[in-house]
Amino acid sequence: MVDESVTAVATRMERAPDHKELYCNVTRTRISPWDISIIFCQGKTRPNGQPYIEEQATVVMSPPLFKTLVHAVQKCMEGYESQFGEVFFRKELLGPDPAGQFADLVEAIKKAQGDNEQQAG
């Protein structure tokens, strides 16, 4: 997907020589004030039978590009479901809310800053 802000300059898509295609069955997200990351993972099993999740790639992008991606993915899913039927998932498998985690982080930083100001004052 091309960032709309550079579409006029970069209109031709070309695949990088080191392009990789990965299978993903687990994702995680991470947010900061400056960017949003999607971590693509695959659930695997060790030879001893112990399951684990292997992080395979992380894509970091600006919040405006992430929102563009969310819109494109939503449109893609709508097209898929109109052709193949509704896709169901168990919401309890979604994991923690990254926005909630970010809010907790912001509060912890504010508290630490307040504690530092009290100690300095």
PDB file of N, CA and C in Angstrom:
ATOM      1  N   MET A   1       0.835  -1.170   0.000  1.00  0.00           N
ATOM      2  CA  MET A   1       0.000   0.000   0.000  1.00  0.00           C
ATOM      3  C   MET A   1       0.882   1.236   0.000  1.00  0.00           C
ATOM      4  N   VAL A   2       0.553   2.226  -0.779  1.00  0.00           N
ATOM      5  CA  VAL A   2       1.342   3.429  -0.910  1.00  0.00           C
ATOM      6  C   VAL A   2       0.721   4.533  -0.077  1.00  0.00           C
ATOM      7  N   ASP A   3       1.561   5.243   0.689  1.00  0.00           N
ATOM      8  CA  ASP A   3       1.108   6.389   1.465  1.00  0.00           C
ATOM      9  C   ASP A   3       0.564   7.434   0.493  1.00  0.00           C
ATOM     10  N   GLU A   4      -0.662   7.896   0.707  1.00  0.00           N
ATOM     11  CA  GLU A   4      -1.288   8.832  -0.235  1.00  0.00           C
ATOM     12  C   GLU A   4      -0.502  10.126  -0.367  1.00  0.00           C
ATOM     13  N   SER A   5       0.264  10.519   0.648  1.00  0.00           N
ATOM     14  CA  SER A   5       1.021  11.760   0.587  1.00  0.00           C
ATOM     15  C   SER A   5       2.157  11.687  -0.416  1.00  0.00           C
ATOM     16  N   VAL A   6       2.570  10.478  -0.833  1.00  0.00           N
ATOM     17  CA  VAL A   6       3.650  10.349  -1.806  1.00  0.00           C
ATOM     18  C   VAL A   6       3.171   9.719  -3.111  1.00  0.00           C
ATOM     19  N   THR A   7       1.872   9.547  -3.278  1.00  0.00           N
ATOM     20  CA  THR A   7       1.334   8.889  -4.463  1.00  0.00           C
ATOM     21  C   THR A   7       1.730   9.611  -5.742  1.00  0.00           C
ATOM     22  N   ALA A   8       1.722  10.946  -5.742  1.00  0.00           N
ATOM     23  CA  ALA A   8       2.048  11.693  -6.946  1.00  0.00           C
ATOM     24  C   ALA A   8       3.496  11.449  -7.376  1.00  0.00           C
ATOM     25  N   VAL A   9       4.381  11.174  -6.438  1.00  0.00           N
ATOM     26  CA  VAL A   9       5.786  10.953  -6.751  1.00  0.00           C
ATOM     27  C   VAL A   9       6.057   9.481  -7.039  1.00  0.00           C
ATOM     28  N   ALA A  10       5.565   8.592  -6.199  1.00  0.00           N
ATOM     29  CA  ALA A  10       5.855   7.160  -6.328  1.00  0.00           C
ATOM     30  C   ALA A  10       4.602   6.410  -6.739  1.00  0.00           C
ATOM     31  N   THR A  11       4.366   6.314  -8.058  1.00  0.00           N
ATOM     32  CA  THR A  11       3.153   5.665  -8.522  1.00  0.00           C
ATOM     33  C   THR A  11       3.375   4.217  -8.941  1.00  0.00           C
ATOM     34  N   ARG A  12       4.613   3.823  -9.199  1.00  0.00           N
ATOM     35  CA  ARG A  12       4.882   2.465  -9.638  1.00  0.00           C
ATOM     36  C   ARG A  12       5.387   1.634  -8.475  1.00  0.00           C
ATOM     37  N   MET A  13       4.718   0.510  -8.233  1.00  0.00           N
ATOM     38  CA  MET A  13       5.123  -0.389  -7.156  1.00  0.00           C
ATOM     39  C   MET A  13       6.171  -1.354  -7.694  1.00  0.00           C
ATOM     40  N   GLU A  14       7.271  -1.502  -6.967  1.00  0.00           N
ATOM     41  CA  GLU A  14       8.305  -2.453  -7.324  1.00  0.00           C
ATOM     42  C   GLU A  14       8.661  -3.254  -6.081  1.00  0.00           C
ATOM     43  N   ARG A  15       8.922  -4.528  -6.270  1.00  0.00           N
ATOM     44  CA  ARG A  15       9.271  -5.402  -5.157  1.00  0.00           C
ATOM     45  C   ARG A  15      10.764  -5.299  -4.870  1.00  0.00           C
ATOM     46  N   ALA A  16      11.103  -5.075  -3.602  1.00  0.00           N
ATOM     47  CA  ALA A  16      12.504  -5.004  -3.190  1.00  0.00           C
ATOM     48  C   ALA A  16      13.175  -6.364  -3.386  1.00  0.00           C
ATOM     49  N   PRO A  17      14.457  -6.379  -3.693  1.00  0.00           N
ATOM     50  CA  PRO A  17      15.158  -7.657  -3.888  1.00  0.00           C
ATOM     51  C   PRO A  17      15.113  -8.565  -2.652  1.00  0.00           C
ATOM     52  N   ASP A  18      15.076  -7.948  -1.472  1.00  0.00           N
ATOM     53  CA  ASP A  18      15.050  -8.758  -0.244  1.00  0.00           C
ATOM     54  C   ASP A  18      13.629  -8.934   0.308  1.00  0.00           C
ATOM     55  N   HIS A  19      12.608  -8.728  -0.529  1.00  0.00           N
ATOM     56  CA  HIS A  19      11.219  -8.896  -0.115  1.00  0.00           C
ATOM     57  C   HIS A  19      11.004 -10.305   0.438  1.00  0.00           C
ATOM     58  N   LYS A  20      10.223 -10.396   1.523  1.00  0.00           N
ATOM     59  CA  LYS A  20       9.910 -11.690   2.125  1.00  0.00           C
ATOM     60  C   LYS A  20       8.402 -11.814   2.285  1.00  0.00           C
ATOM     61  N   GLU A  21       7.899 -13.003   2.100  1.00  0.00           N
ATOM     62  CA  GLU A  21       6.500 -13.297   2.351  1.00  0.00           C
ATOM     63  C   GLU A  21       6.458 -14.239   3.547  1.00  0.00           C
ATOM     64  N   LEU A  22       5.673 -13.879   4.552  1.00  0.00           N
ATOM     65  CA  LEU A  22       5.597 -14.656   5.785  1.00  0.00           C
ATOM     66  C   LEU A  22       4.179 -15.150   6.019  1.00  0.00           C
ATOM     67  N   TYR A  23       4.062 -16.306   6.679  1.00  0.00           N
ATOM     68  CA  TYR A  23       2.758 -16.760   7.161  1.00  0.00           C
ATOM     69  C   TYR A  23       2.627 -16.268   8.591  1.00  0.00           C
ATOM     70  N   CYS A  24       1.477 -15.733   8.925  1.00  0.00           N
ATOM     71  CA  CYS A  24       1.247 -15.177  10.256  1.00  0.00           C
ATOM     72  C   CYS A  24      -0.065 -15.718  10.794  1.00  0.00           C
ATOM     73  N   ASN A  25      -0.057 -16.213  12.037  1.00  0.00           N
ATOM     74  CA  ASN A  25      -1.307 -16.616  12.663  1.00  0.00           C
ATOM     75  C   ASN A  25      -1.470 -15.981  14.049  1.00  0.00           C
ATOM     76  N   VAL A  26      -0.567 -15.062  14.384  1.00  0.00           N
ATOM     77  CA  VAL A  26      -0.640 -14.304  15.635  1.00  0.00           C
ATOM     78  C   VAL A  26      -0.111 -12.903  15.337  1.00  0.00           C
ATOM     79  N   THR A  27      -0.794 -11.877  15.814  1.00  0.00           N
ATOM     80  CA  THR A  27      -0.278 -10.520  15.698  1.00  0.00           C
ATOM     81  C   THR A  27      -0.326  -9.836  17.051  1.00  0.00           C
ATOM     82  N   ARG A  28       0.537  -8.870  17.198  1.00  0.00           N
ATOM     83  CA  ARG A  28       0.535  -8.001  18.376  1.00  0.00           C
ATOM     84  C   ARG A  28       0.676  -6.581  17.868  1.00  0.00           C
ATOM     85  N   THR A  29       0.253  -5.640  18.649  1.00  0.00           N
ATOM     86  CA  THR A  29       0.447  -4.238  18.289  1.00  0.00           C
ATOM     87  C   THR A  29       1.125  -3.520  19.435  1.00  0.00           C
ATOM     88  N   ARG A  30       1.805  -2.449  19.085  1.00  0.00           N
ATOM     89  CA  ARG A  30       2.495  -1.621  20.084  1.00  0.00           C
ATOM     90  C   ARG A  30       2.322  -0.183  19.626  1.00  0.00           C
ATOM     91  N   ILE A  31       2.052   0.719  20.556  1.00  0.00           N
ATOM     92  CA  ILE A  31       1.868   2.118  20.189  1.00  0.00           C
ATOM     93  C   ILE A  31       2.739   3.015  21.047  1.00  0.00           C
ATOM     94  N   SER A  32       3.096   4.155  20.486  1.00  0.00           N
ATOM     95  CA  SER A  32       3.805   5.211  21.202  1.00  0.00           C
ATOM     96  C   SER A  32       3.217   6.530  20.701  1.00  0.00           C
ATOM     97  N   PRO A  33       3.633   7.647  21.265  1.00  0.00           N
ATOM     98  CA  PRO A  33       3.104   8.927  20.761  1.00  0.00           C
ATOM     99  C   PRO A  33       3.487   9.185  19.307  1.00  0.00           C
ATOM    100  N   TRP A  34       4.536   8.525  18.800  1.00  0.00           N
ATOM    101  CA  TRP A  34       5.068   8.832  17.472  1.00  0.00           C
ATOM    102  C   TRP A  34       4.722   7.807  16.410  1.00  0.00           C
ATOM    103  N   ASP A  35       4.499   6.548  16.793  1.00  0.00           N
ATOM    104  CA  ASP A  35       4.272   5.528  15.784  1.00  0.00           C
ATOM    105  C   ASP A  35       3.470   4.359  16.324  1.00  0.00           C
ATOM    106  N   ILE A  36       3.066   3.496  15.409  1.00  0.00           N
ATOM    107  CA  ILE A  36       2.320   2.285  15.737  1.00  0.00           C
ATOM    108  C   ILE A  36       3.040   1.126  15.078  1.00  0.00           C
ATOM    109  N   SER A  37       3.219   0.051  15.825  1.00  0.00           N
ATOM    110  CA  SER A  37       3.903  -1.131  15.300  1.00  0.00           C
ATOM    111  C   SER A  37       2.949  -2.311  15.268  1.00  0.00           C
ATOM    112  N   ILE A  38       3.078  -3.117  14.218  1.00  0.00           N
ATOM    113  CA  ILE A  38       2.382  -4.394  14.136  1.00  0.00           C
ATOM    114  C   ILE A  38       3.460  -5.465  14.128  1.00  0.00           C
ATOM    115  N   ILE A  39       3.380  -6.389  15.064  1.00  0.00           N
ATOM    116  CA  ILE A  39       4.332  -7.493  15.144  1.00  0.00           C
ATOM    117  C   ILE A  39       3.638  -8.728  14.593  1.00  0.00           C
ATOM    118  N   PHE A  40       4.206  -9.302  13.546  1.00  0.00           N
ATOM    119  CA  PHE A  40       3.651 -10.485  12.910  1.00  0.00           C
ATOM    120  C   PHE A  40       4.372 -11.711  13.462  1.00  0.00           C
ATOM    121  N   CYS A  41       3.592 -12.668  13.956  1.00  0.00           N
ATOM    122  CA  CYS A  41       4.157 -13.831  14.643  1.00  0.00           C
ATOM    123  C   CYS A  41       3.545 -15.119  14.086  1.00  0.00           C
ATOM    124  N   GLN A  42       4.179 -16.213  14.458  1.00  0.00           N
ATOM    125  CA  GLN A  42       3.646 -17.523  14.094  1.00  0.00           C
ATOM    126  C   GLN A  42       3.718 -18.429  15.310  1.00  0.00           C
ATOM    127  N   GLY A  43       2.589 -19.068  15.622  1.00  0.00           N
ATOM    128  CA  GLY A  43       2.566 -20.060  16.680  1.00  0.00           C
ATOM    129  C   GLY A  43       3.279 -21.315  16.213  1.00  0.00           C
ATOM    130  N   LYS A  44       4.199 -21.792  17.020  1.00  0.00           N
ATOM    131  CA  LYS A  44       4.983 -22.975  16.658  1.00  0.00           C
ATOM    132  C   LYS A  44       5.060 -23.922  17.847  1.00  0.00           C
ATOM    133  N   THR A  45       5.622 -25.090  17.609  1.00  0.00           N
ATOM    134  CA  THR A  45       5.803 -26.083  18.659  1.00  0.00           C
ATOM    135  C   THR A  45       7.244 -26.573  18.642  1.00  0.00           C
ATOM    136  N   ARG A  46       7.876 -26.581  19.810  1.00  0.00           N
ATOM    137  CA  ARG A  46       9.251 -27.088  19.930  1.00  0.00           C
ATOM    138  C   ARG A  46       9.241 -28.612  19.798  1.00  0.00           C
ATOM    139  N   PRO A  47      10.400 -29.213  19.488  1.00  0.00           N
ATOM    140  CA  PRO A  47      10.467 -30.672  19.367  1.00  0.00           C
ATOM    141  C   PRO A  47       9.962 -31.418  20.617  1.00  0.00           C
ATOM    142  N   ASN A  48      10.084 -30.761  21.796  1.00  0.00           N
ATOM    143  CA  ASN A  48       9.611 -31.398  23.031  1.00  0.00           C
ATOM    144  C   ASN A  48       8.105 -31.230  23.248  1.00  0.00           C
ATOM    145  N   GLY A  49       7.409 -30.599  22.264  1.00  0.00           N
ATOM    146  CA  GLY A  49       5.958 -30.424  22.358  1.00  0.00           C
ATOM    147  C   GLY A  49       5.527 -29.109  22.983  1.00  0.00           C
ATOM    148  N   GLN A  50       6.472 -28.296  23.449  1.00  0.00           N
ATOM    149  CA  GLN A  50       6.157 -27.022  24.102  1.00  0.00           C
ATOM    150  C   GLN A  50       5.783 -25.963  23.052  1.00  0.00           C
ATOM    151  N   PRO A  51       4.584 -25.405  23.118  1.00  0.00           N
ATOM    152  CA  PRO A  51       4.204 -24.365  22.150  1.00  0.00           C
ATOM    153  C   PRO A  51       4.879 -23.031  22.475  1.00  0.00           C
ATOM    154  N   TYR A  52       5.129 -22.241  21.459  1.00  0.00           N
ATOM    155  CA  TYR A  52       5.674 -20.897  21.648  1.00  0.00           C
ATOM    156  C   TYR A  52       5.257 -20.035  20.463  1.00  0.00           C
ATOM    157  N   ILE A  53       5.435 -18.743  20.622  1.00  0.00           N
ATOM    158  CA  ILE A  53       5.110 -17.806  19.551  1.00  0.00           C
ATOM    159  C   ILE A  53       6.401 -17.146  19.102  1.00  0.00           C
ATOM    160  N   GLU A  54       6.676 -17.253  17.792  1.00  0.00           N
ATOM    161  CA  GLU A  54       7.891 -16.681  17.224  1.00  0.00           C
ATOM    162  C   GLU A  54       7.558 -15.375  16.519  1.00  0.00           C
ATOM    163  N   GLU A  55       8.184 -14.276  16.971  1.00  0.00           N
ATOM    164  CA  GLU A  55       8.023 -12.998  16.283  1.00  0.00           C
ATOM    165  C   GLU A  55       8.841 -13.064  15.003  1.00  0.00           C
ATOM    166  N   GLN A  56       8.202 -12.791  13.863  1.00  0.00           N
ATOM    167  CA  GLN A  56       8.884 -12.919  12.586  1.00  0.00           C
ATOM    168  C   GLN A  56       9.204 -11.578  11.937  1.00  0.00           C
ATOM    169  N   ALA A  57       8.367 -10.592  12.126  1.00  0.00           N
ATOM    170  CA  ALA A  57       8.614  -9.281  11.524  1.00  0.00           C
ATOM    171  C   ALA A  57       7.824  -8.225  12.285  1.00  0.00           C
ATOM    172  N   THR A  58       8.371  -7.022  12.327  1.00  0.00           N
ATOM    173  CA  THR A  58       7.684  -5.878  12.920  1.00  0.00           C
ATOM    174  C   THR A  58       7.621  -4.774  11.873  1.00  0.00           C
ATOM    175  N   VAL A  59       6.441  -4.228  11.669  1.00  0.00           N
ATOM    176  CA  VAL A  59       6.258  -3.105  10.759  1.00  0.00           C
ATOM    177  C   VAL A  59       5.880  -1.896  11.608  1.00  0.00           C
ATOM    178  N   VAL A  60       6.656  -0.828  11.481  1.00  0.00           N
ATOM    179  CA  VAL A  60       6.443   0.395  12.248  1.00  0.00           C
ATOM    180  C   VAL A  60       5.995   1.478  11.275  1.00  0.00           C
ATOM    181  N   MET A  61       4.923   2.211  11.643  1.00  0.00           N
ATOM    182  CA  MET A  61       4.416   3.248  10.748  1.00  0.00           C
ATOM    183  C   MET A  61       3.846   4.416  11.540  1.00  0.00           C
ATOM    184  N   SER A  62       3.635   5.526  10.830  1.00  0.00           N
ATOM    185  CA  SER A  62       3.033   6.701  11.446  1.00  0.00           C
ATOM    186  C   SER A  62       1.555   6.424  11.719  1.00  0.00           C
ATOM    187  N   PRO A  63       0.975   7.127  12.710  1.00  0.00           N
ATOM    188  CA  PRO A  63      -0.461   6.949  12.963  1.00  0.00           C
ATOM    189  C   PRO A  63      -1.343   7.238  11.744  1.00  0.00           C
ATOM    190  N   PRO A  64      -1.068   8.284  10.922  1.00  0.00           N
ATOM    191  CA  PRO A  64      -1.924   8.478   9.738  1.00  0.00           C
ATOM    192  C   PRO A  64      -1.838   7.316   8.747  1.00  0.00           C
ATOM    193  N   LEU A  65      -0.652   6.772   8.548  1.00  0.00           N
ATOM    194  CA  LEU A  65      -0.535   5.637   7.628  1.00  0.00           C
ATOM    195  C   LEU A  65      -1.225   4.411   8.222  1.00  0.00           C
ATOM    196  N   PHE A  66      -1.110   4.219   9.539  1.00  0.00           N
ATOM    197  CA  PHE A  66      -1.779   3.094  10.189  1.00  0.00           C
ATOM    198  C   PHE A  66      -3.290   3.193   9.987  1.00  0.00           C
ATOM    199  N   LYS A  67      -3.832   4.397  10.134  1.00  0.00           N
ATOM    200  CA  LYS A  67      -5.279   4.573   9.949  1.00  0.00           C
ATOM    201  C   LYS A  67      -5.670   4.272   8.504  1.00  0.00           C
ATOM    202  N   THR A  68      -4.824   4.664   7.547  1.00  0.00           N
ATOM    203  CA  THR A  68      -5.061   4.334   6.144  1.00  0.00           C
ATOM    204  C   THR A  68      -5.053   2.821   5.957  1.00  0.00           C
ATOM    205  N   LEU A  69      -4.109   2.144   6.588  1.00  0.00           N
ATOM    206  CA  LEU A  69      -4.032   0.686   6.520  1.00  0.00           C
ATOM    207  C   LEU A  69      -5.281   0.038   7.107  1.00  0.00           C
ATOM    208  N   VAL A  70      -5.721   0.522   8.260  1.00  0.00           N
ATOM    209  CA  VAL A  70      -6.938  -0.023   8.881  1.00  0.00           C
ATOM    210  C   VAL A  70      -8.114   0.108   7.924  1.00  0.00           C
ATOM    211  N   HIS A  71      -8.237   1.244   7.273  1.00  0.00           N
ATOM    212  CA  HIS A  71      -9.334   1.453   6.311  1.00  0.00           C
ATOM    213  C   HIS A  71      -9.224   0.455   5.155  1.00  0.00           C
ATOM    214  N   ALA A  72      -8.017   0.296   4.610  1.00  0.00           N
ATOM    215  CA  ALA A  72      -7.821  -0.625   3.479  1.00  0.00           C
ATOM    216  C   ALA A  72      -8.098  -2.066   3.893  1.00  0.00           C
ATOM    217  N   VAL A  73      -7.656  -2.451   5.082  1.00  0.00           N
ATOM    218  CA  VAL A  73      -7.882  -3.822   5.565  1.00  0.00           C
ATOM    219  C   VAL A  73      -9.374  -4.057   5.785  1.00  0.00           C
ATOM    220  N   GLN A  74     -10.076  -3.058   6.322  1.00  0.00           N
ATOM    221  CA  GLN A  74     -11.530  -3.181   6.528  1.00  0.00           C
ATOM    222  C   GLN A  74     -12.239  -3.385   5.191  1.00  0.00           C
ATOM    223  N   LYS A  75     -11.857  -2.603   4.181  1.00  0.00           N
ATOM    224  CA  LYS A  75     -12.462  -2.753   2.851  1.00  0.00           C
ATOM    225  C   LYS A  75     -12.143  -4.136   2.266  1.00  0.00           C
ATOM    226  N   CYS A  76     -10.929  -4.600   2.472  1.00  0.00           N
ATOM    227  CA  CYS A  76     -10.527  -5.924   1.991  1.00  0.00           C
ATOM    228  C   CYS A  76     -11.370  -7.008   2.660  1.00  0.00           C
ATOM    229  N   MET A  77     -11.577  -6.897   3.969  1.00  0.00           N
ATOM    230  CA  MET A  77     -12.367  -7.894   4.702  1.00  0.00           C
ATOM    231  C   MET A  77     -13.816  -7.857   4.248  1.00  0.00           C
ATOM    232  N   GLU A  78     -14.354  -6.667   4.004  1.00  0.00           N
ATOM    233  CA  GLU A  78     -15.728  -6.567   3.509  1.00  0.00           C
ATOM    234  C   GLU A  78     -15.868  -7.282   2.167  1.00  0.00           C
ATOM    235  N   GLY A  79     -14.895  -7.101   1.283  1.00  0.00           N
ATOM    236  CA  GLY A  79     -14.920  -7.783  -0.005  1.00  0.00           C
ATOM    237  C   GLY A  79     -14.810  -9.294   0.144  1.00  0.00           C
ATOM    238  N   TYR A  80     -13.936  -9.728   1.048  1.00  0.00           N
ATOM    239  CA  TYR A  80     -13.761 -11.162   1.296  1.00  0.00           C
ATOM    240  C   TYR A  80     -15.068 -11.766   1.808  1.00  0.00           C
ATOM    241  N   GLU A  81     -15.680 -11.102   2.802  1.00  0.00           N
ATOM    242  CA  GLU A  81     -16.912 -11.625   3.390  1.00  0.00           C
ATOM    243  C   GLU A  81     -18.076 -11.600   2.411  1.00  0.00           C
ATOM    244  N   SER A  82     -18.109 -10.619   1.537  1.00  0.00           N
ATOM    245  CA  SER A  82     -19.196 -10.601   0.556  1.00  0.00           C
ATOM    246  C   SER A  82     -19.056 -11.758  -0.432  1.00  0.00           C
ATOM    247  N   GLN A  83     -17.839 -12.200  -0.648  1.00  0.00           N
ATOM    248  CA  GLN A  83     -17.617 -13.304  -1.579  1.00  0.00           C
ATOM    249  C   GLN A  83     -17.671 -14.675  -0.907  1.00  0.00           C
ATOM    250  N   PHE A  84     -17.150 -14.781   0.324  1.00  0.00           N
ATOM    251  CA  PHE A  84     -17.013 -16.091   0.967  1.00  0.00           C
ATOM    252  C   PHE A  84     -17.839 -16.279   2.234  1.00  0.00           C
ATOM    253  N   GLY A  85     -18.490 -15.237   2.718  1.00  0.00           N
ATOM    254  CA  GLY A  85     -19.276 -15.331   3.945  1.00  0.00           C
ATOM    255  C   GLY A  85     -18.547 -14.709   5.122  1.00  0.00           C
ATOM    256  N   GLU A  86     -19.323 -14.439   6.166  1.00  0.00           N
ATOM    257  CA  GLU A  86     -18.787 -13.755   7.340  1.00  0.00           C
ATOM    258  C   GLU A  86     -17.704 -14.573   8.028  1.00  0.00           C
ATOM    259  N   VAL A  87     -16.669 -13.877   8.469  1.00  0.00           N
ATOM    260  CA  VAL A  87     -15.580 -14.496   9.224  1.00  0.00           C
ATOM    261  C   VAL A  87     -15.846 -14.223  10.703  1.00  0.00           C
ATOM    262  N   PHE A  88     -15.844 -15.271  11.500  1.00  0.00           N
ATOM    263  CA  PHE A  88     -16.082 -15.140  12.938  1.00  0.00           C
ATOM    264  C   PHE A  88     -14.781 -15.351  13.688  1.00  0.00           C
ATOM    265  N   PHE A  89     -14.648 -14.694  14.824  1.00  0.00           N
ATOM    266  CA  PHE A  89     -13.490 -14.904  15.684  1.00  0.00           C
ATOM    267  C   PHE A  89     -13.935 -14.751  17.135  1.00  0.00           C
ATOM    268  N   ARG A  90     -13.130 -15.306  18.017  1.00  0.00           N
ATOM    269  CA  ARG A  90     -13.433 -15.227  19.449  1.00  0.00           C
ATOM    270  C   ARG A  90     -12.765 -13.980  20.020  1.00  0.00           C
ATOM    271  N   LYS A  91     -13.555 -13.033  20.461  1.00  0.00           N
ATOM    272  CA  LYS A  91     -13.021 -11.764  20.953  1.00  0.00           C
ATOM    273  C   LYS A  91     -12.100 -11.941  22.159  1.00  0.00           C
ATOM    274  N   GLU A  92     -12.302 -12.997  22.923  1.00  0.00           N
ATOM    275  CA  GLU A  92     -11.432 -13.211  24.084  1.00  0.00           C
ATOM    276  C   GLU A  92     -10.002 -13.554  23.674  1.00  0.00           C
ATOM    277  N   LEU A  93      -9.791 -13.888  22.407  1.00  0.00           N
ATOM    278  CA  LEU A  93      -8.451 -14.179  21.918  1.00  0.00           C
ATOM    279  C   LEU A  93      -7.698 -12.928  21.465  1.00  0.00           C
ATOM    280  N   LEU A  94      -8.345 -11.772  21.532  1.00  0.00           N
ATOM    281  CA  LEU A  94      -7.719 -10.545  21.056  1.00  0.00           C
ATOM    282  C   LEU A  94      -6.560 -10.091  21.933  1.00  0.00           C
ATOM    283  N   GLY A  95      -6.528 -10.460  23.187  1.00  0.00           N
ATOM    284  CA  GLY A  95      -5.442 -10.027  24.060  1.00  0.00           C
ATOM    285  C   GLY A  95      -5.704  -8.637  24.605  1.00  0.00           C
ATOM    286  N   PRO A  96      -4.676  -8.072  25.268  1.00  0.00           N
ATOM    287  CA  PRO A  96      -4.854  -6.756  25.894  1.00  0.00           C
ATOM    288  C   PRO A  96      -5.014  -5.652  24.858  1.00  0.00           C
ATOM    289  N   ASP A  97      -5.697  -4.606  25.268  1.00  0.00           N
ATOM    290  CA  ASP A  97      -5.939  -3.448  24.418  1.00  0.00           C
ATOM    291  C   ASP A  97      -4.704  -2.552  24.432  1.00  0.00           C
ATOM    292  N   PRO A  98      -4.008  -2.392  23.290  1.00  0.00           N
ATOM    293  CA  PRO A  98      -2.796  -1.579  23.305  1.00  0.00           C
ATOM    294  C   PRO A  98      -3.065  -0.126  23.667  1.00  0.00           C
ATOM    295  N   ALA A  99      -4.235   0.408  23.301  1.00  0.00           N
ATOM    296  CA  ALA A  99      -4.556   1.786  23.666  1.00  0.00           C
ATOM    297  C   ALA A  99      -4.666   1.909  25.184  1.00  0.00           C
ATOM    298  N   GLY A 100      -5.253   0.904  25.819  1.00  0.00           N
ATOM    299  CA  GLY A 100      -5.339   0.896  27.278  1.00  0.00           C
ATOM    300  C   GLY A 100      -3.963   0.793  27.908  1.00  0.00           C
ATOM    301  N   GLN A 101      -3.094  -0.017  27.325  1.00  0.00           N
ATOM    302  CA  GLN A 101      -1.726  -0.131  27.824  1.00  0.00           C
ATOM    303  C   GLN A 101      -1.001   1.200  27.676  1.00  0.00           C
ATOM    304  N   PHE A 102      -1.229   1.898  26.549  1.00  0.00           N
ATOM    305  CA  PHE A 102      -0.590   3.185  26.325  1.00  0.00           C
ATOM    306  C   PHE A 102      -1.069   4.194  27.359  1.00  0.00           C
ATOM    307  N   ALA A 103      -2.373   4.198  27.627  1.00  0.00           N
ATOM    308  CA  ALA A 103      -2.914   5.122  28.631  1.00  0.00           C
ATOM    309  C   ALA A 103      -2.279   4.845  29.989  1.00  0.00           C
ATOM    310  N   ASP A 104      -2.085   3.575  30.337  1.00  0.00           N
ATOM    311  CA  ASP A 104      -1.427   3.214  31.594  1.00  0.00           C
ATOM    312  C   ASP A 104       0.008   3.727  31.618  1.00  0.00           C
ATOM    313  N   LEU A 105       0.709   3.616  30.470  1.00  0.00           N
ATOM    314  CA  LEU A 105       2.081   4.090  30.371  1.00  0.00           C
ATOM    315  C   LEU A 105       2.145   5.600  30.552  1.00  0.00           C
ATOM    316  N   VAL A 106       1.234   6.328  29.911  1.00  0.00           N
ATOM    317  CA  VAL A 106       1.201   7.785  30.034  1.00  0.00           C
ATOM    318  C   VAL A 106       0.970   8.178  31.492  1.00  0.00           C
ATOM    319  N   GLU A 107       0.040   7.508  32.145  1.00  0.00           N
ATOM    320  CA  GLU A 107      -0.223   7.804  33.557  1.00  0.00           C
ATOM    321  C   GLU A 107       1.003   7.525  34.422  1.00  0.00           C
ATOM    322  N   ALA A 108       1.706   6.429  34.154  1.00  0.00           N
ATOM    323  CA  ALA A 108       2.910   6.097  34.918  1.00  0.00           C
ATOM    324  C   ALA A 108       3.994   7.152  34.710  1.00  0.00           C
ATOM    325  N   ILE A 109       4.134   7.655  33.478  1.00  0.00           N
ATOM    326  CA  ILE A 109       5.127   8.701  33.193  1.00  0.00           C
ATOM    327  C   ILE A 109       4.759   9.984  33.918  1.00  0.00           C
ATOM    328  N   LYS A 110       3.469  10.365  33.862  1.00  0.00           N
ATOM    329  CA  LYS A 110       3.020  11.573  34.554  1.00  0.00           C
ATOM    330  C   LYS A 110       3.272  11.464  36.055  1.00  0.00           C
ATOM    331  N   LYS A 111       2.993  10.283  36.610  1.00  0.00           N
ATOM    332  CA  LYS A 111       3.218  10.072  38.043  1.00  0.00           C
ATOM    333  C   LYS A 111       4.699  10.191  38.368  1.00  0.00           C
ATOM    334  N   ALA A 112       5.540   9.580  37.547  1.00  0.00           N
ATOM    335  CA  ALA A 112       6.985   9.645  37.780  1.00  0.00           C
ATOM    336  C   ALA A 112       7.486  11.082  37.683  1.00  0.00           C
ATOM    337  N   GLN A 113       6.964  11.851  36.714  1.00  0.00           N
ATOM    338  CA  GLN A 113       7.360  13.246  36.568  1.00  0.00           C
ATOM    339  C   GLN A 113       6.934  14.049  37.793  1.00  0.00           C
ATOM    340  N   GLY A 114       5.728  13.783  38.274  1.00  0.00           N
ATOM    341  CA  GLY A 114       5.245  14.463  39.472  1.00  0.00           C
ATOM    342  C   GLY A 114       6.089  14.116  40.693  1.00  0.00           C
ATOM    343  N   ASP A 115       6.458  12.838  40.818  1.00  0.00           N
ATOM    344  CA  ASP A 115       7.312  12.411  41.936  1.00  0.00           C
ATOM    345  C   ASP A 115       8.672  13.082  41.859  1.00  0.00           C
ATOM    346  N   ASN A 116       9.234  13.210  40.643  1.00  0.00           N
ATOM    347  CA  ASN A 116      10.535  13.859  40.464  1.00  0.00           C
ATOM    348  C   ASN A 116      10.464  15.333  40.803  1.00  0.00           C
ATOM    349  N   GLU A 117       9.349  16.002  40.417  1.00  0.00           N
ATOM    350  CA  GLU A 117       9.182  17.418  40.723  1.00  0.00           C
ATOM    351  C   GLU A 117       9.068  17.629  42.224  1.00  0.00           C
ATOM    352  N   GLN A 118       8.381  16.719  42.932  1.00  0.00           N
ATOM    353  CA  GLN A 118       8.253  16.819  44.379  1.00  0.00           C
ATOM    354  C   GLN A 118       9.603  16.651  45.053  1.00  0.00           C
ATOM    355  N   GLN A 119      10.417  15.712  44.559  1.00  0.00           N
ATOM    356  CA  GLN A 119      11.729  15.481  45.138  1.00  0.00           C
ATOM    357  C   GLN A 119      12.668  16.674  44.876  1.00  0.00           C
ATOM    358  N   ALA A 120      12.538  17.289  43.696  1.00  0.00           N
ATOM    359  CA  ALA A 120      13.387  18.424  43.344  1.00  0.00           C
ATOM    360  C   ALA A 120      12.970  19.692  44.090  1.00  0.00           C
ATOM    361  N   GLY A 121      11.699  19.789  44.420  1.00  0.00           N
ATOM    362  CA  GLY A 121      11.146  21.002  45.027  1.00  0.00           C
ATOM    363  C   GLY A 121      11.233  20.956  46.476  1.00  0.00           C
TER     364      GLY A 121
END
